[in-house]
Amino acid sequence: VQFVESGGGLVQAGGSLSISCTASGDTFTNYAVGWFRQAPGKERVLVAAIIWSGLNTYYSDSVKGRFTISRDYVKKMVYLQMNSLKPEDAANYYCAQGPRLLGPYSYWGQGTQVTVSS
């Protein structure tokens, strides 16, 4: 499977942005797609994940209540709606697929950059 992320850009703090990733290749309803982010000099971290079936989701504490992950299995797309953005949300956001919500994950995309101005 391969992922292509899109929708990143510049947004003011407090604003909203929606990013998406499109999968090509093998996807399985019991597998998970995760959104990760990596800021310069920091580790890549999982911020949200969803099972392709849509039955389960995961959010990190840092984004819970502000971000919403969703998916369209037919279109093989996964979305991340980001509200109330903070400067610390700025990062390169990646998609990946794995057998469980909390990983392990592989098949990373190239990422889409999100910049939040204060």
N, C-alpha and C. Protein backbone atom coordinates (compact mmCIF):
# COMPACT_ATOMS: atom_id res chain seq x y z
N VAL A 1 0.85 -1.18 0.00
CA VAL A 1 0.00 0.00 0.00
C VAL A 1 0.89 1.24 0.00
N GLN A 2 0.42 2.29 -0.65
CA GLN A 2 1.11 3.58 -0.66
C GLN A 2 0.12 4.67 -0.28
N PHE A 3 0.65 5.72 0.36
CA PHE A 3 -0.19 6.84 0.77
C PHE A 3 0.33 8.13 0.18
N VAL A 4 -0.60 9.00 -0.20
CA VAL A 4 -0.27 10.34 -0.64
C VAL A 4 -1.09 11.31 0.20
N GLU A 5 -0.37 12.16 0.96
CA GLU A 5 -1.04 13.13 1.81
C GLU A 5 -1.21 14.45 1.07
N SER A 6 -2.24 15.19 1.45
CA SER A 6 -2.48 16.50 0.84
C SER A 6 -3.28 17.36 1.79
N GLY A 7 -3.31 18.66 1.48
CA GLY A 7 -4.14 19.59 2.22
C GLY A 7 -3.43 20.44 3.23
N GLY A 8 -2.14 20.22 3.41
CA GLY A 8 -1.41 21.03 4.36
C GLY A 8 -1.32 22.48 3.92
N GLY A 9 -0.91 23.35 4.84
CA GLY A 9 -0.77 24.76 4.52
C GLY A 9 -0.54 25.58 5.76
N LEU A 10 -0.70 26.88 5.60
CA LEU A 10 -0.49 27.84 6.68
C LEU A 10 -1.84 28.27 7.24
N VAL A 11 -1.95 28.24 8.55
CA VAL A 11 -3.19 28.65 9.21
C VAL A 11 -2.84 29.39 10.49
N GLN A 12 -3.68 30.32 10.86
CA GLN A 12 -3.45 31.06 12.10
C GLN A 12 -3.85 30.22 13.31
N ALA A 13 -3.22 30.49 14.41
CA ALA A 13 -3.58 29.81 15.65
C ALA A 13 -5.07 30.04 15.93
N GLY A 14 -5.72 28.97 16.34
CA GLY A 14 -7.16 29.03 16.56
C GLY A 14 -7.98 28.64 15.36
N GLY A 15 -7.32 28.55 14.22
CA GLY A 15 -8.02 28.22 12.99
C GLY A 15 -8.16 26.72 12.77
N SER A 16 -8.70 26.36 11.61
CA SER A 16 -8.96 24.96 11.27
C SER A 16 -8.33 24.61 9.93
N LEU A 17 -8.04 23.33 9.79
CA LEU A 17 -7.48 22.82 8.55
C LEU A 17 -7.86 21.36 8.43
N SER A 18 -8.14 20.93 7.23
CA SER A 18 -8.43 19.52 6.98
C SER A 18 -7.39 18.95 6.03
N ILE A 19 -6.78 17.87 6.42
CA ILE A 19 -5.80 17.20 5.57
C ILE A 19 -6.32 15.81 5.26
N SER A 20 -5.81 15.24 4.18
CA SER A 20 -6.29 13.93 3.78
C SER A 20 -5.14 13.09 3.24
N CYS A 21 -5.36 11.80 3.22
CA CYS A 21 -4.41 10.93 2.56
C CYS A 21 -5.18 9.89 1.75
N THR A 22 -4.62 9.57 0.62
CA THR A 22 -5.23 8.63 -0.31
C THR A 22 -4.36 7.39 -0.39
N ALA A 23 -4.98 6.24 -0.23
CA ALA A 23 -4.26 4.98 -0.27
C ALA A 23 -4.40 4.33 -1.63
N SER A 24 -3.35 3.70 -2.06
CA SER A 24 -3.42 2.86 -3.26
C SER A 24 -2.78 1.53 -2.92
N GLY A 25 -3.33 0.47 -3.46
CA GLY A 25 -2.84 -0.86 -3.14
C GLY A 25 -3.75 -1.55 -2.14
N ASP A 26 -3.19 -2.51 -1.43
CA ASP A 26 -3.98 -3.35 -0.54
C ASP A 26 -4.36 -2.64 0.76
N THR A 27 -5.66 -2.58 1.02
CA THR A 27 -6.15 -2.11 2.31
C THR A 27 -7.09 -3.18 2.87
N PHE A 28 -7.17 -3.30 4.18
CA PHE A 28 -7.95 -4.35 4.82
C PHE A 28 -8.82 -3.71 5.89
N THR A 29 -10.09 -4.13 5.93
CA THR A 29 -11.04 -3.47 6.83
C THR A 29 -10.62 -3.58 8.29
N ASN A 30 -9.85 -4.59 8.66
CA ASN A 30 -9.45 -4.73 10.05
C ASN A 30 -8.11 -4.07 10.34
N TYR A 31 -7.52 -3.42 9.36
CA TYR A 31 -6.28 -2.68 9.56
C TYR A 31 -6.57 -1.25 9.94
N ALA A 32 -5.57 -0.59 10.47
CA ALA A 32 -5.69 0.79 10.91
C ALA A 32 -4.86 1.71 10.04
N VAL A 33 -5.33 2.95 9.93
CA VAL A 33 -4.54 4.01 9.31
C VAL A 33 -4.29 5.05 10.38
N GLY A 34 -3.06 5.42 10.52
CA GLY A 34 -2.69 6.40 11.52
C GLY A 34 -2.20 7.69 10.90
N TRP A 35 -2.51 8.78 11.57
CA TRP A 35 -1.92 10.08 11.23
C TRP A 35 -0.81 10.34 12.25
N PHE A 36 0.37 10.58 11.75
CA PHE A 36 1.54 10.90 12.57
C PHE A 36 1.97 12.33 12.25
N ARG A 37 2.71 12.91 13.15
CA ARG A 37 3.32 14.20 12.85
C ARG A 37 4.74 14.22 13.40
N GLN A 38 5.56 15.00 12.71
CA GLN A 38 6.95 15.15 13.12
C GLN A 38 7.36 16.60 12.93
N ALA A 39 7.74 17.23 14.01
CA ALA A 39 8.25 18.59 13.97
C ALA A 39 9.78 18.54 13.91
N PRO A 40 10.41 19.58 13.40
CA PRO A 40 11.88 19.58 13.31
C PRO A 40 12.54 19.30 14.64
N GLY A 41 13.45 18.34 14.65
CA GLY A 41 14.18 18.01 15.86
C GLY A 41 13.43 17.15 16.83
N LYS A 42 12.23 16.72 16.46
CA LYS A 42 11.43 15.91 17.36
C LYS A 42 11.09 14.57 16.72
N GLU A 43 10.69 13.63 17.55
CA GLU A 43 10.31 12.31 17.05
C GLU A 43 8.95 12.35 16.37
N ARG A 44 8.74 11.39 15.48
CA ARG A 44 7.44 11.25 14.86
C ARG A 44 6.50 10.59 15.86
N VAL A 45 5.33 11.17 16.03
CA VAL A 45 4.38 10.66 17.01
C VAL A 45 3.02 10.42 16.37
N LEU A 46 2.33 9.44 16.90
CA LEU A 46 0.98 9.12 16.44
C LEU A 46 0.00 10.08 17.10
N VAL A 47 -0.82 10.76 16.31
CA VAL A 47 -1.80 11.69 16.88
C VAL A 47 -3.23 11.17 16.75
N ALA A 48 -3.52 10.37 15.73
CA ALA A 48 -4.87 9.84 15.57
C ALA A 48 -4.80 8.60 14.69
N ALA A 49 -5.74 7.71 14.90
CA ALA A 49 -5.77 6.49 14.10
C ALA A 49 -7.21 6.00 14.00
N ILE A 50 -7.47 5.27 12.93
CA ILE A 50 -8.82 4.73 12.72
C ILE A 50 -8.69 3.38 12.03
N ILE A 51 -9.54 2.47 12.41
CA ILE A 51 -9.63 1.21 11.69
C ILE A 51 -10.37 1.47 10.38
N TRP A 52 -9.93 0.86 9.30
CA TRP A 52 -10.59 1.08 8.01
C TRP A 52 -12.09 0.83 8.09
N SER A 53 -12.50 -0.11 8.93
CA SER A 53 -13.93 -0.38 9.09
C SER A 53 -14.65 0.78 9.76
N GLY A 54 -13.90 1.66 10.42
CA GLY A 54 -14.49 2.80 11.11
C GLY A 54 -14.95 2.51 12.51
N LEU A 55 -14.75 1.29 12.98
CA LEU A 55 -15.32 0.90 14.27
C LEU A 55 -14.56 1.46 15.46
N ASN A 56 -13.29 1.73 15.29
CA ASN A 56 -12.49 2.22 16.42
C ASN A 56 -11.60 3.36 16.00
N THR A 57 -11.39 4.28 16.93
CA THR A 57 -10.48 5.39 16.70
C THR A 57 -9.59 5.57 17.92
N TYR A 58 -8.50 6.29 17.69
CA TYR A 58 -7.56 6.63 18.76
C TYR A 58 -7.15 8.08 18.57
N TYR A 59 -7.00 8.80 19.67
CA TYR A 59 -6.47 10.16 19.65
C TYR A 59 -5.45 10.31 20.77
N SER A 60 -4.37 10.99 20.47
CA SER A 60 -3.42 11.30 21.52
C SER A 60 -4.01 12.38 22.41
N ASP A 61 -3.54 12.47 23.61
CA ASP A 61 -4.06 13.47 24.55
C ASP A 61 -3.87 14.88 24.02
N SER A 62 -2.82 15.09 23.24
CA SER A 62 -2.51 16.44 22.76
C SER A 62 -3.52 16.96 21.75
N VAL A 63 -4.28 16.06 21.10
CA VAL A 63 -5.21 16.51 20.07
C VAL A 63 -6.65 16.15 20.39
N LYS A 64 -6.87 15.37 21.43
CA LYS A 64 -8.22 14.91 21.76
C LYS A 64 -9.15 16.10 21.98
N GLY A 65 -10.31 16.04 21.34
CA GLY A 65 -11.27 17.13 21.45
C GLY A 65 -11.10 18.21 20.41
N ARG A 66 -9.97 18.21 19.71
CA ARG A 66 -9.71 19.23 18.68
C ARG A 66 -9.63 18.62 17.28
N PHE A 67 -9.10 17.42 17.19
CA PHE A 67 -8.93 16.75 15.90
C PHE A 67 -9.96 15.63 15.75
N THR A 68 -10.37 15.41 14.52
CA THR A 68 -11.29 14.31 14.22
C THR A 68 -10.78 13.54 13.01
N ILE A 69 -10.63 12.24 13.17
CA ILE A 69 -10.20 11.39 12.07
C ILE A 69 -11.42 10.68 11.50
N SER A 70 -11.44 10.56 10.18
CA SER A 70 -12.53 9.84 9.52
C SER A 70 -11.97 9.18 8.28
N ARG A 71 -12.77 8.30 7.68
CA ARG A 71 -12.29 7.61 6.50
C ARG A 71 -13.43 7.31 5.56
N ASP A 72 -13.08 7.17 4.29
CA ASP A 72 -14.00 6.70 3.26
C ASP A 72 -13.34 5.46 2.66
N TYR A 73 -13.82 4.30 3.06
CA TYR A 73 -13.15 3.07 2.65
C TYR A 73 -13.26 2.84 1.15
N VAL A 74 -14.38 3.22 0.56
CA VAL A 74 -14.57 3.02 -0.88
C VAL A 74 -13.56 3.87 -1.66
N LYS A 75 -13.39 5.10 -1.23
CA LYS A 75 -12.44 6.00 -1.90
C LYS A 75 -11.01 5.78 -1.42
N LYS A 76 -10.85 4.97 -0.36
CA LYS A 76 -9.53 4.71 0.22
C LYS A 76 -8.89 6.02 0.66
N MET A 77 -9.67 6.83 1.33
CA MET A 77 -9.17 8.11 1.83
C MET A 77 -9.38 8.20 3.34
N VAL A 78 -8.44 8.83 3.99
CA VAL A 78 -8.51 9.09 5.43
C VAL A 78 -8.30 10.58 5.63
N TYR A 79 -9.14 11.17 6.47
CA TYR A 79 -9.14 12.61 6.68
C TYR A 79 -8.77 12.92 8.13
N LEU A 80 -8.18 14.09 8.31
CA LEU A 80 -7.93 14.59 9.65
C LEU A 80 -8.40 16.04 9.70
N GLN A 81 -9.50 16.27 10.39
CA GLN A 81 -10.02 17.61 10.60
C GLN A 81 -9.37 18.16 11.86
N MET A 82 -8.69 19.28 11.71
CA MET A 82 -7.95 19.87 12.82
C MET A 82 -8.56 21.23 13.17
N ASN A 83 -9.08 21.36 14.37
CA ASN A 83 -9.69 22.59 14.84
C ASN A 83 -8.89 23.17 16.00
N SER A 84 -9.11 24.43 16.27
CA SER A 84 -8.44 25.11 17.39
C SER A 84 -6.94 24.86 17.35
N LEU A 85 -6.36 25.06 16.19
CA LEU A 85 -4.95 24.75 16.01
C LEU A 85 -4.06 25.63 16.87
N LYS A 86 -2.98 25.04 17.36
CA LYS A 86 -2.00 25.72 18.19
C LYS A 86 -0.66 25.72 17.48
N PRO A 87 0.22 26.65 17.81
CA PRO A 87 1.56 26.65 17.19
C PRO A 87 2.27 25.31 17.36
N GLU A 88 2.04 24.63 18.46
CA GLU A 88 2.71 23.34 18.69
C GLU A 88 2.16 22.22 17.81
N ASP A 89 1.06 22.48 17.07
CA ASP A 89 0.56 21.49 16.12
C ASP A 89 1.32 21.53 14.80
N ALA A 90 2.14 22.55 14.60
CA ALA A 90 2.88 22.66 13.36
C ALA A 90 3.85 21.50 13.21
N ALA A 91 3.80 20.84 12.06
CA ALA A 91 4.64 19.67 11.82
C ALA A 91 4.37 19.16 10.41
N ASN A 92 5.15 18.18 10.03
CA ASN A 92 4.86 17.42 8.82
C ASN A 92 3.98 16.25 9.23
N TYR A 93 2.85 16.10 8.57
CA TYR A 93 1.87 15.07 8.93
C TYR A 93 1.92 13.94 7.90
N TYR A 94 1.98 12.71 8.43
CA TYR A 94 2.12 11.52 7.60
C TYR A 94 1.00 10.52 7.86
N CYS A 95 0.70 9.73 6.84
CA CYS A 95 -0.19 8.57 6.98
C CYS A 95 0.63 7.29 6.95
N ALA A 96 0.12 6.29 7.62
CA ALA A 96 0.72 4.97 7.55
C ALA A 96 -0.35 3.94 7.90
N GLN A 97 -0.08 2.69 7.54
CA GLN A 97 -1.05 1.62 7.82
C GLN A 97 -0.42 0.58 8.72
N GLY A 98 -1.23 -0.02 9.58
CA GLY A 98 -0.74 -1.06 10.47
C GLY A 98 -1.85 -1.99 10.89
N PRO A 99 -1.52 -3.11 11.51
CA PRO A 99 -2.51 -4.11 11.88
C PRO A 99 -3.36 -3.75 13.10
N ARG A 100 -2.92 -2.75 13.86
CA ARG A 100 -3.66 -2.35 15.07
C ARG A 100 -3.61 -0.84 15.22
N LEU A 101 -4.56 -0.31 16.00
CA LEU A 101 -4.62 1.14 16.21
C LEU A 101 -3.30 1.70 16.70
N LEU A 102 -2.67 1.03 17.63
CA LEU A 102 -1.43 1.55 18.20
C LEU A 102 -0.19 0.98 17.53
N GLY A 103 -0.35 0.40 16.38
CA GLY A 103 0.77 -0.07 15.58
C GLY A 103 1.10 -1.52 15.76
N PRO A 104 2.18 -1.94 15.17
CA PRO A 104 3.19 -1.13 14.46
C PRO A 104 2.70 -0.66 13.09
N TYR A 105 3.27 0.44 12.63
CA TYR A 105 2.88 1.03 11.36
C TYR A 105 4.01 0.96 10.35
N SER A 106 3.61 0.90 9.09
CA SER A 106 4.57 0.92 8.00
C SER A 106 3.89 1.53 6.77
N TYR A 107 4.60 1.56 5.68
CA TYR A 107 4.08 2.11 4.42
C TYR A 107 3.76 3.58 4.57
N TRP A 108 4.76 4.36 4.92
CA TRP A 108 4.61 5.80 5.16
C TRP A 108 4.46 6.56 3.86
N GLY A 109 3.64 7.66 3.92
CA GLY A 109 3.58 8.58 2.82
C GLY A 109 4.70 9.60 2.93
N GLN A 110 4.69 10.60 2.05
CA GLN A 110 5.73 11.64 2.03
C GLN A 110 5.41 12.79 2.98
N GLY A 111 4.17 12.89 3.38
CA GLY A 111 3.79 13.90 4.34
C GLY A 111 3.25 15.17 3.72
N THR A 112 2.54 15.93 4.54
CA THR A 112 2.06 17.25 4.15
C THR A 112 2.33 18.20 5.30
N GLN A 113 2.84 19.37 4.96
CA GLN A 113 3.31 20.30 5.98
C GLN A 113 2.17 21.18 6.49
N VAL A 114 2.06 21.25 7.80
CA VAL A 114 1.09 22.14 8.45
C VAL A 114 1.87 23.17 9.25
N THR A 115 1.61 24.44 8.96
CA THR A 115 2.27 25.54 9.66
C THR A 115 1.21 26.35 10.37
N VAL A 116 1.44 26.64 11.64
CA VAL A 116 0.48 27.41 12.44
C VAL A 116 1.16 28.67 12.93
N SER A 117 0.64 29.80 12.54
CA SER A 117 1.22 31.08 12.94
C SER A 117 0.54 31.57 14.22
N SER A 118 1.34 32.15 15.08
CA SER A 118 0.80 32.63 16.36
C SER A 118 0.40 34.09 16.28
